[in-house]
C-alpha cells in the first residue's frame, strides 16, 4: 500500500449535487427553487425570526423589565464556610486564600454573609460584609476588614 493507491472506503463519499446544469440533469430550469418569488432569487436570505408572514413571537410578547448596567455582583461566602477553612488551620482569610481553595475566581468581588456558625478566631479581608456576618466574626474574636481599608494586608 502506497500513498498513490489509497482510496476512501466504498460508499463512504457522496458526489455533490450539481444544480442548474441544464434540463438533462434533472436539476435544471428552476434549480430546485420552485417558481418566482423572493425565495427563488439569488441573494435572498430570510429575516431572523420570520414566521411566514404571521406576526412573529418576538413582536407578540410584551417587553418586561430592564438590565441595570450599574449592578455589582458579589460572590457570596458564608460564615460557615469560613469555619471550615479555620478547621483546616487557615486563620487569615483573603481573596488569594479563597481562590486557592476554589471558593472564588480572580475577578470576583467577595461578600461575607451570616449563614452558619463561626467559633474560630479568623481575620477576614473582603469587599463587603452583611451586618450579622461582621458581628459574628467580631464576636468570635476575629477581625473583619474591607479590601480598600488601611491596614487590610
N, C-alpha and C. Protein backbone atom coordinates (compact mmCIF):
# COMPACT_ATOMS: atom_id res chain seq x y z
N UNK A 1 0.84 -1.19 0.00
CA UNK A 1 0.00 0.00 0.00
C UNK A 1 0.89 1.25 0.00
N UNK A 2 0.61 2.13 -0.92
CA UNK A 2 1.35 3.40 -1.02
C UNK A 2 0.36 4.56 -1.04
N UNK A 3 0.87 5.76 -0.89
CA UNK A 3 0.01 6.94 -0.90
C UNK A 3 -0.75 7.10 -2.21
N UNK A 4 -0.12 6.71 -3.32
CA UNK A 4 -0.75 6.93 -4.63
C UNK A 4 -1.92 5.99 -4.89
N UNK A 5 -2.04 4.88 -4.15
CA UNK A 5 -3.17 3.99 -4.41
C UNK A 5 -4.16 3.90 -3.23
N UNK A 6 -4.13 4.88 -2.31
CA UNK A 6 -5.12 4.93 -1.23
C UNK A 6 -6.42 5.51 -1.76
N UNK A 7 -7.54 4.92 -1.41
CA UNK A 7 -8.86 5.46 -1.79
C UNK A 7 -9.80 5.33 -0.59
N UNK A 8 -10.83 6.19 -0.53
CA UNK A 8 -11.80 6.07 0.56
C UNK A 8 -12.56 4.74 0.47
N UNK A 9 -13.12 4.30 1.59
CA UNK A 9 -13.89 3.07 1.62
C UNK A 9 -15.10 3.20 0.71
N UNK A 10 -15.60 2.08 0.21
CA UNK A 10 -16.73 2.09 -0.71
C UNK A 10 -17.97 2.68 -0.02
N UNK A 11 -18.68 3.55 -0.71
CA UNK A 11 -19.90 4.23 -0.25
C UNK A 11 -19.67 5.20 0.92
N UNK A 12 -18.40 5.55 1.20
CA UNK A 12 -18.15 6.48 2.29
C UNK A 12 -18.19 7.94 1.82
N UNK A 13 -18.14 8.15 0.52
CA UNK A 13 -18.22 9.53 -0.01
C UNK A 13 -19.37 9.63 -0.98
N UNK A 14 -20.00 10.84 -1.00
CA UNK A 14 -21.10 11.08 -1.93
C UNK A 14 -20.72 12.19 -2.87
N UNK A 15 -21.23 12.14 -4.08
CA UNK A 15 -20.99 13.20 -5.05
C UNK A 15 -21.84 14.41 -4.70
N UNK A 16 -21.31 15.58 -4.94
CA UNK A 16 -22.04 16.82 -4.71
C UNK A 16 -23.16 16.93 -5.74
N UNK A 17 -24.35 17.38 -5.31
CA UNK A 17 -25.48 17.53 -6.22
C UNK A 17 -25.25 18.78 -7.07
N UNK A 18 -25.16 18.61 -8.39
CA UNK A 18 -24.89 19.74 -9.29
C UNK A 18 -26.21 20.30 -9.80
N UNK A 19 -26.55 21.48 -9.28
CA UNK A 19 -27.83 22.12 -9.60
C UNK A 19 -27.63 23.18 -10.68
N UNK A 20 -28.62 23.32 -11.55
CA UNK A 20 -28.59 24.38 -12.56
C UNK A 20 -27.65 24.10 -13.70
N UNK A 21 -27.55 22.83 -14.14
CA UNK A 21 -26.66 22.48 -15.25
C UNK A 21 -27.45 21.95 -16.43
N UNK A 22 -28.62 22.51 -16.66
CA UNK A 22 -29.40 22.13 -17.85
C UNK A 22 -30.50 21.16 -17.53
N UNK A 23 -31.49 21.08 -18.46
CA UNK A 23 -32.67 20.25 -18.27
C UNK A 23 -32.33 18.76 -18.20
N UNK A 24 -31.31 18.34 -18.92
CA UNK A 24 -30.96 16.92 -18.97
C UNK A 24 -30.49 16.39 -17.63
N UNK A 25 -30.03 17.25 -16.76
CA UNK A 25 -29.51 16.79 -15.46
C UNK A 25 -30.64 16.44 -14.50
N UNK A 26 -31.86 16.93 -14.78
CA UNK A 26 -32.96 16.72 -13.86
C UNK A 26 -33.01 17.78 -12.77
N UNK A 27 -31.99 18.61 -12.70
CA UNK A 27 -31.95 19.68 -11.70
C UNK A 27 -31.70 21.01 -12.40
N UNK A 28 -32.25 21.16 -13.58
CA UNK A 28 -32.08 22.40 -14.34
C UNK A 28 -33.29 23.30 -14.15
N UNK A 29 -33.53 24.20 -15.08
CA UNK A 29 -34.72 25.06 -15.04
C UNK A 29 -34.74 25.96 -13.82
N UNK A 30 -35.57 25.64 -12.87
CA UNK A 30 -35.68 26.49 -11.68
C UNK A 30 -34.64 26.11 -10.61
N UNK A 31 -33.84 25.11 -10.87
CA UNK A 31 -32.77 24.68 -9.97
C UNK A 31 -33.28 24.36 -8.57
N UNK A 32 -34.36 23.63 -8.49
CA UNK A 32 -34.98 23.13 -7.26
C UNK A 32 -35.51 24.23 -6.34
N UNK A 33 -35.65 25.46 -6.87
CA UNK A 33 -36.10 26.58 -6.03
C UNK A 33 -37.59 26.90 -6.21
N UNK A 34 -38.29 26.17 -7.01
CA UNK A 34 -39.70 26.47 -7.26
C UNK A 34 -39.83 27.62 -8.25
N UNK A 35 -41.04 28.17 -8.39
CA UNK A 35 -41.26 29.24 -9.36
C UNK A 35 -41.43 30.60 -8.70
N UNK A 36 -40.79 31.61 -9.23
CA UNK A 36 -40.94 33.02 -8.86
C UNK A 36 -40.84 33.30 -7.36
N UNK A 37 -40.96 34.54 -7.00
CA UNK A 37 -40.93 34.95 -5.60
C UNK A 37 -39.52 35.16 -5.08
N UNK A 38 -39.44 35.81 -3.94
CA UNK A 38 -38.15 36.19 -3.36
C UNK A 38 -37.25 34.98 -3.13
N UNK A 39 -37.83 33.85 -2.69
CA UNK A 39 -37.01 32.70 -2.37
C UNK A 39 -36.34 32.08 -3.58
N UNK A 40 -36.85 32.36 -4.77
CA UNK A 40 -36.24 31.79 -5.97
C UNK A 40 -35.09 32.64 -6.48
N UNK A 41 -34.94 33.85 -5.94
CA UNK A 41 -33.91 34.77 -6.43
C UNK A 41 -32.57 34.53 -5.73
N UNK A 42 -31.51 34.90 -6.42
CA UNK A 42 -30.20 34.78 -5.79
C UNK A 42 -30.05 35.92 -4.78
N UNK A 43 -29.28 35.69 -3.74
CA UNK A 43 -29.05 36.72 -2.73
C UNK A 43 -30.13 36.81 -1.69
N UNK A 44 -31.18 35.97 -1.78
CA UNK A 44 -32.27 36.02 -0.81
C UNK A 44 -31.83 35.42 0.52
N UNK A 45 -32.17 36.08 1.61
CA UNK A 45 -31.98 35.47 2.92
C UNK A 45 -33.16 35.86 3.81
N UNK A 46 -33.73 34.89 4.49
CA UNK A 46 -34.90 35.10 5.34
C UNK A 46 -34.50 35.86 6.60
N UNK A 47 -35.33 36.80 7.03
CA UNK A 47 -35.09 37.57 8.24
C UNK A 47 -35.09 36.63 9.46
N UNK A 48 -34.24 36.90 10.44
CA UNK A 48 -34.21 36.09 11.66
C UNK A 48 -35.55 36.26 12.37
N UNK A 49 -36.18 35.16 12.73
CA UNK A 49 -37.46 35.20 13.42
C UNK A 49 -38.65 35.30 12.48
N UNK A 50 -38.42 35.24 11.16
CA UNK A 50 -39.52 35.33 10.20
C UNK A 50 -40.37 34.07 10.29
N UNK A 51 -41.69 34.25 10.38
CA UNK A 51 -42.60 33.11 10.54
C UNK A 51 -43.59 33.03 9.41
N UNK A 52 -43.16 33.26 8.19
CA UNK A 52 -44.01 33.10 7.03
C UNK A 52 -45.07 34.19 6.90
N UNK A 53 -44.86 35.33 7.47
CA UNK A 53 -45.81 36.43 7.36
C UNK A 53 -46.70 36.57 8.59
N UNK A 54 -46.83 35.53 9.38
CA UNK A 54 -47.59 35.62 10.63
C UNK A 54 -46.81 36.52 11.60
N UNK A 55 -47.51 37.15 12.52
CA UNK A 55 -46.84 38.05 13.48
C UNK A 55 -45.84 37.25 14.31
N UNK A 56 -44.54 37.61 14.24
CA UNK A 56 -43.53 36.83 14.95
C UNK A 56 -43.67 36.93 16.47
N UNK A 57 -43.22 35.89 17.14
CA UNK A 57 -43.40 35.80 18.59
C UNK A 57 -42.70 36.93 19.32
N UNK A 58 -41.58 37.42 18.80
CA UNK A 58 -40.86 38.50 19.48
C UNK A 58 -41.62 39.81 19.41
N UNK A 59 -42.62 39.91 18.51
CA UNK A 59 -43.47 41.11 18.48
C UNK A 59 -44.76 40.90 19.26
N UNK A 60 -45.15 39.65 19.47
CA UNK A 60 -46.37 39.36 20.22
C UNK A 60 -46.14 39.55 21.72
N UNK A 61 -45.00 39.04 22.21
CA UNK A 61 -44.73 39.06 23.64
C UNK A 61 -44.34 40.47 24.09
N UNK A 62 -44.85 40.92 25.24
CA UNK A 62 -44.52 42.26 25.71
C UNK A 62 -43.12 42.33 26.28
N UNK A 63 -42.58 43.54 26.32
CA UNK A 63 -41.27 43.75 26.94
C UNK A 63 -41.47 43.77 28.44
N UNK A 64 -40.50 43.24 29.18
CA UNK A 64 -40.59 43.23 30.63
C UNK A 64 -39.23 43.60 31.22
N UNK A 65 -39.23 44.50 32.21
CA UNK A 65 -38.03 44.80 32.99
C UNK A 65 -36.93 45.48 32.22
N UNK A 66 -35.77 45.56 32.86
CA UNK A 66 -34.60 46.16 32.25
C UNK A 66 -33.34 45.57 32.86
N UNK A 67 -32.21 45.83 32.25
CA UNK A 67 -30.93 45.33 32.73
C UNK A 67 -30.18 46.52 33.33
N UNK A 68 -29.92 46.47 34.63
CA UNK A 68 -29.22 47.56 35.30
C UNK A 68 -27.74 47.48 34.97
N UNK A 69 -27.23 48.48 34.24
CA UNK A 69 -25.82 48.44 33.83
C UNK A 69 -24.87 48.75 34.97
N UNK A 70 -25.40 49.28 36.08
CA UNK A 70 -24.57 49.63 37.23
C UNK A 70 -24.55 48.54 38.30
N UNK A 71 -25.19 47.40 38.04
CA UNK A 71 -25.26 46.32 39.02
C UNK A 71 -23.86 45.78 39.33
N UNK A 72 -23.60 45.59 40.61
CA UNK A 72 -22.34 45.00 41.06
C UNK A 72 -22.66 43.63 41.65
N UNK A 73 -22.06 42.58 41.09
CA UNK A 73 -22.31 41.23 41.59
C UNK A 73 -21.17 40.78 42.49
N UNK A 74 -21.55 40.21 43.62
CA UNK A 74 -20.58 39.70 44.58
C UNK A 74 -20.67 38.18 44.65
N UNK A 75 -19.53 37.55 44.95
CA UNK A 75 -19.50 36.12 45.21
C UNK A 75 -19.74 35.96 46.71
N UNK A 76 -20.84 35.33 47.08
CA UNK A 76 -21.21 35.21 48.49
C UNK A 76 -20.47 34.06 49.15
N UNK A 77 -19.80 34.36 50.27
CA UNK A 77 -19.13 33.35 51.08
C UNK A 77 -19.77 33.43 52.46
N UNK A 78 -20.27 32.31 52.96
CA UNK A 78 -20.94 32.30 54.26
C UNK A 78 -19.95 32.10 55.40
N UNK A 79 -20.38 32.55 56.59
CA UNK A 79 -19.56 32.43 57.79
C UNK A 79 -19.26 30.95 58.09
N UNK A 80 -20.20 30.07 57.78
CA UNK A 80 -19.97 28.64 57.96
C UNK A 80 -18.81 28.13 57.11
N UNK A 81 -18.64 28.69 55.93
CA UNK A 81 -17.52 28.32 55.06
C UNK A 81 -16.20 28.80 55.66
N UNK A 82 -16.22 29.98 56.31
CA UNK A 82 -15.02 30.47 56.98
C UNK A 82 -14.62 29.53 58.13
N UNK A 83 -15.63 28.95 58.79
CA UNK A 83 -15.37 28.00 59.87
C UNK A 83 -14.68 26.74 59.34
N UNK A 84 -15.11 26.25 58.17
CA UNK A 84 -14.46 25.06 57.59
C UNK A 84 -13.01 25.37 57.19
N UNK A 85 -12.75 26.60 56.74
CA UNK A 85 -11.37 27.00 56.43
C UNK A 85 -10.55 27.07 57.71
N UNK A 86 -11.16 27.57 58.78
CA UNK A 86 -10.47 27.67 60.07
C UNK A 86 -10.12 26.29 60.60
N UNK A 87 -10.97 25.31 60.34
CA UNK A 87 -10.70 23.94 60.77
C UNK A 87 -9.52 23.33 60.03
N UNK A 88 -9.18 23.90 58.87
CA UNK A 88 -8.00 23.48 58.11
C UNK A 88 -6.77 24.31 58.50
N UNK A 89 -6.88 25.06 59.62
CA UNK A 89 -5.82 25.94 60.14
C UNK A 89 -5.51 27.10 59.21
N UNK A 90 -6.51 27.60 58.52
CA UNK A 90 -6.37 28.82 57.71
C UNK A 90 -7.12 29.91 58.47
N UNK A 91 -6.36 30.77 59.16
CA UNK A 91 -6.98 31.77 60.03
C UNK A 91 -6.94 33.19 59.45
N UNK A 92 -6.06 33.42 58.47
CA UNK A 92 -6.03 34.71 57.76
C UNK A 92 -6.66 34.50 56.39
N UNK A 93 -7.89 34.97 56.25
CA UNK A 93 -8.66 34.70 55.02
C UNK A 93 -8.76 35.97 54.19
N UNK A 94 -8.29 35.86 52.93
CA UNK A 94 -8.42 36.95 51.97
C UNK A 94 -8.74 36.36 50.61
N UNK A 95 -8.76 37.20 49.60
CA UNK A 95 -9.15 36.75 48.26
C UNK A 95 -8.24 35.63 47.74
N UNK A 96 -6.94 35.77 47.94
CA UNK A 96 -5.99 34.77 47.43
C UNK A 96 -6.25 33.40 48.06
N UNK A 97 -6.55 33.39 49.36
CA UNK A 97 -6.83 32.13 50.07
C UNK A 97 -8.11 31.49 49.52
N UNK A 98 -9.14 32.32 49.28
CA UNK A 98 -10.40 31.81 48.74
C UNK A 98 -10.21 31.25 47.33
N UNK A 99 -9.37 31.91 46.53
CA UNK A 99 -9.08 31.43 45.17
C UNK A 99 -8.34 30.10 45.24
N UNK A 100 -7.36 30.02 46.12
CA UNK A 100 -6.57 28.79 46.27
C UNK A 100 -7.42 27.61 46.72
N UNK A 101 -8.49 27.88 47.49
CA UNK A 101 -9.37 26.81 47.96
C UNK A 101 -10.57 26.59 47.04
N UNK A 102 -10.60 27.25 45.88
CA UNK A 102 -11.64 27.03 44.89
C UNK A 102 -12.98 27.66 45.24
N UNK A 103 -12.99 28.65 46.14
CA UNK A 103 -14.24 29.28 46.55
C UNK A 103 -14.52 30.58 45.80
N UNK A 104 -13.53 31.08 45.06
CA UNK A 104 -13.71 32.34 44.32
C UNK A 104 -12.83 32.32 43.08
N UNK A 105 -13.11 33.23 42.18
CA UNK A 105 -12.29 33.41 40.97
C UNK A 105 -11.55 34.74 41.07
N UNK A 106 -10.57 34.93 40.22
CA UNK A 106 -9.70 36.09 40.30
C UNK A 106 -10.46 37.42 40.20
N UNK A 107 -11.48 37.48 39.35
CA UNK A 107 -12.20 38.74 39.11
C UNK A 107 -13.37 38.96 40.07
N UNK A 108 -13.67 37.98 40.93
CA UNK A 108 -14.83 38.09 41.82
C UNK A 108 -14.64 39.16 42.89
N UNK A 109 -15.76 39.79 43.27
CA UNK A 109 -15.80 40.61 44.47
C UNK A 109 -16.39 39.72 45.56
N UNK A 110 -15.84 39.78 46.76
CA UNK A 110 -16.22 38.86 47.83
C UNK A 110 -17.15 39.55 48.82
N UNK A 111 -18.28 38.92 49.11
CA UNK A 111 -19.19 39.39 50.14
C UNK A 111 -19.33 38.28 51.18
N UNK A 112 -19.19 38.64 52.46
CA UNK A 112 -19.31 37.67 53.54
C UNK A 112 -20.73 37.77 54.11
N UNK A 113 -21.45 36.63 54.15
CA UNK A 113 -22.81 36.58 54.67
C UNK A 113 -22.86 35.71 55.93
N UNK A 114 -23.98 35.80 56.67
CA UNK A 114 -24.03 35.26 58.03
C UNK A 114 -24.55 33.84 58.19
N UNK A 115 -24.75 33.09 57.12
CA UNK A 115 -25.29 31.74 57.25
C UNK A 115 -24.25 30.80 57.87
N UNK A 116 -24.66 30.04 58.86
CA UNK A 116 -23.75 29.12 59.52
C UNK A 116 -23.23 29.70 60.82
N UNK A 117 -22.36 28.93 61.48
CA UNK A 117 -21.80 29.37 62.76
C UNK A 117 -20.29 29.48 62.67
N UNK A 118 -19.75 30.45 63.43
CA UNK A 118 -18.31 30.67 63.46
C UNK A 118 -17.86 30.68 64.91
N UNK A 119 -16.93 29.78 65.24
CA UNK A 119 -16.40 29.74 66.60
C UNK A 119 -14.91 30.07 66.61
N UNK A 120 -14.25 29.97 65.46
CA UNK A 120 -12.81 30.22 65.38
C UNK A 120 -12.52 31.71 65.24
N UNK A 121 -11.33 32.10 65.73
CA UNK A 121 -10.89 33.49 65.63
C UNK A 121 -10.18 33.66 64.28
N UNK A 122 -10.88 34.28 63.31
CA UNK A 122 -10.32 34.44 61.97
C UNK A 122 -10.22 35.92 61.61
N UNK A 123 -9.21 36.24 60.82
CA UNK A 123 -9.04 37.60 60.31
C UNK A 123 -9.42 37.59 58.83
N UNK A 124 -10.46 38.33 58.50
CA UNK A 124 -11.02 38.27 57.15
C UNK A 124 -10.86 39.61 56.45
N UNK A 125 -10.45 39.56 55.18
CA UNK A 125 -10.40 40.74 54.33
C UNK A 125 -11.30 40.47 53.12
N UNK A 126 -12.36 41.28 52.96
CA UNK A 126 -13.31 41.07 51.86
C UNK A 126 -13.81 42.42 51.35
N UNK A 127 -14.59 42.37 50.26
CA UNK A 127 -15.11 43.60 49.65
C UNK A 127 -16.36 44.12 50.35
N UNK A 128 -17.10 43.23 51.03
CA UNK A 128 -18.37 43.62 51.63
C UNK A 128 -18.75 42.61 52.71
N UNK A 129 -19.45 43.09 53.75
CA UNK A 129 -19.94 42.22 54.82
C UNK A 129 -21.40 42.55 55.08
N UNK A 130 -22.18 41.52 55.46
CA UNK A 130 -23.50 41.81 55.99
C UNK A 130 -23.28 42.18 57.46
N UNK A 131 -24.21 42.93 58.04
CA UNK A 131 -24.03 43.38 59.43
C UNK A 131 -23.95 42.20 60.39
N UNK A 132 -24.76 41.16 60.17
CA UNK A 132 -24.75 39.97 61.03
C UNK A 132 -23.44 39.20 60.89
N UNK A 133 -22.90 39.14 59.66
CA UNK A 133 -21.65 38.41 59.43
C UNK A 133 -20.50 39.12 60.14
N UNK A 134 -20.47 40.44 60.03
CA UNK A 134 -19.40 41.21 60.68
C UNK A 134 -19.48 41.03 62.19
N UNK A 135 -20.71 41.05 62.73
CA UNK A 135 -20.90 40.86 64.17
C UNK A 135 -20.45 39.46 64.59
N UNK A 136 -20.74 38.45 63.79
CA UNK A 136 -20.37 37.06 64.11
C UNK A 136 -18.86 36.89 64.14
N UNK A 137 -18.16 37.52 63.18
CA UNK A 137 -16.70 37.41 63.11
C UNK A 137 -16.08 38.10 64.33
N UNK A 138 -16.57 39.29 64.66
CA UNK A 138 -16.01 40.05 65.79
C UNK A 138 -16.38 39.40 67.12
N UNK A 139 -17.54 38.77 67.21
CA UNK A 139 -17.96 38.08 68.43
C UNK A 139 -17.05 36.87 68.71
N UNK A 140 -16.58 36.22 67.63
CA UNK A 140 -15.68 35.07 67.78
C UNK A 140 -14.25 35.51 68.08
N UNK A 141 -13.99 36.84 68.08
CA UNK A 141 -12.67 37.36 68.41
C UNK A 141 -11.82 37.69 67.21
N UNK A 142 -12.38 37.61 66.01
CA UNK A 142 -11.62 37.90 64.80
C UNK A 142 -11.79 39.34 64.34
N UNK A 143 -11.21 39.64 63.17
CA UNK A 143 -11.34 40.98 62.59
C UNK A 143 -11.96 40.86 61.21
N UNK A 144 -12.78 41.89 60.86
CA UNK A 144 -13.41 41.93 59.55
C UNK A 144 -13.06 43.26 58.90
N UNK A 145 -12.15 43.22 57.93
CA UNK A 145 -11.70 44.45 57.27
C UNK A 145 -12.13 44.46 55.81
N UNK A 146 -12.33 45.66 55.28
CA UNK A 146 -12.63 45.82 53.87
C UNK A 146 -11.34 45.84 53.08
N UNK A 147 -11.39 45.49 51.79
CA UNK A 147 -10.21 45.40 50.95
C UNK A 147 -9.48 46.73 50.85
N UNK A 148 -10.22 47.82 50.64
CA UNK A 148 -9.57 49.12 50.45
C UNK A 148 -9.41 49.90 51.76
N UNK A 149 -9.60 49.24 52.89
CA UNK A 149 -9.40 49.85 54.20
C UNK A 149 -7.92 49.86 54.52
N UNK A 150 -7.39 50.89 55.20
CA UNK A 150 -5.97 50.87 55.56
C UNK A 150 -5.67 49.71 56.50
N UNK A 151 -4.49 49.16 56.43
CA UNK A 151 -4.03 48.00 57.21
C UNK A 151 -4.78 46.74 56.85
N UNK A 152 -5.33 46.65 55.64
CA UNK A 152 -6.00 45.41 55.19
C UNK A 152 -5.03 44.66 54.30
N UNK A 153 -3.98 44.15 54.89
CA UNK A 153 -2.87 43.45 54.22
C UNK A 153 -2.06 44.42 53.43
